[in-house]
Amino acid sequence: MPPFLLFANVSGFYGYLLPFDLALSTSTLVELVAWIAVLHAGPLGEDSLDRARAEV
């Protein structure tokens, strides 16, 4: 039994959907926080974003 089923009372299709949904929503929240941080940082945030892109 997958560990998340111990805390969530789901069965069938929702047992497969729940981990995917949690991963997707968590990554979306992280990206939104990063996007908001860049917006509030102004030019300094854009410079650090450009440096991060150059390193990749």
Protein backbone atom coordinates (compact mmCIF):
# COMPACT_ATOMS: atom_id res chain seq x y z
CA MET A 1 0.00 0.00 0.00
CA PRO A 2 1.45 3.41 -0.95
CA PRO A 3 2.14 5.60 2.10
CA PHE A 4 -0.17 8.43 1.06
CA LEU A 5 -3.15 6.06 1.15
CA LEU A 6 -2.67 5.78 4.91
CA PHE A 7 -3.60 9.47 5.26
CA ALA A 8 -6.06 9.90 2.40
CA ASN A 9 -9.12 7.74 2.09
CA VAL A 10 -9.12 7.36 -1.70
CA SER A 11 -9.50 4.39 -3.99
CA GLY A 12 -9.49 3.58 -7.68
CA PHE A 13 -8.58 6.35 -10.10
CA TYR A 14 -8.10 8.91 -7.32
CA GLY A 15 -5.35 6.78 -5.83
CA TYR A 16 -3.35 7.44 -9.00
CA LEU A 17 -4.48 11.04 -9.43
CA LEU A 18 -3.65 12.23 -5.90
CA PRO A 19 0.18 11.89 -6.05
CA PHE A 20 0.27 13.48 -9.51
CA ASP A 21 -1.97 16.33 -8.37
CA LEU A 22 0.10 16.98 -5.25
CA ALA A 23 3.36 17.04 -7.23
CA LEU A 24 1.89 19.33 -9.88
CA SER A 25 0.35 21.76 -7.42
CA THR A 26 3.52 21.91 -5.30
CA SER A 27 5.71 22.67 -8.30
CA THR A 28 3.24 25.31 -9.46
CA LEU A 29 3.37 27.04 -6.07
CA VAL A 30 7.18 27.01 -6.11
CA GLU A 31 7.26 28.55 -9.59
CA LEU A 32 4.73 31.23 -8.61
CA VAL A 33 6.77 32.19 -5.55
CA ALA A 34 9.93 32.41 -7.66
CA TRP A 35 8.12 34.50 -10.28
CA ILE A 36 6.76 36.90 -7.65
CA ALA A 37 10.22 37.18 -6.07
CA VAL A 38 11.73 38.18 -9.42
CA LEU A 39 8.98 40.75 -9.97
CA HIS A 40 9.58 42.34 -6.58
CA ALA A 41 13.37 42.26 -6.88
CA GLY A 42 13.28 44.48 -9.97
CA PRO A 43 16.46 44.76 -12.05
CA LEU A 44 18.49 42.90 -9.45
CA GLY A 45 16.20 39.89 -9.81
CA GLU A 46 16.41 39.99 -13.58
CA ASP A 47 20.22 40.09 -13.42
CA SER A 48 20.35 37.06 -11.17
CA LEU A 49 17.90 35.26 -13.45
CA ASP A 50 20.13 36.03 -16.46
CA ARG A 51 23.19 34.69 -14.60
CA ALA A 52 21.31 31.50 -13.72
CA ARG A 53 20.36 31.00 -17.38
CA ALA A 54 23.98 31.54 -18.46
CA GLU A 55 25.21 28.85 -16.06
CA VAL A 56 22.90 26.20 -17.51
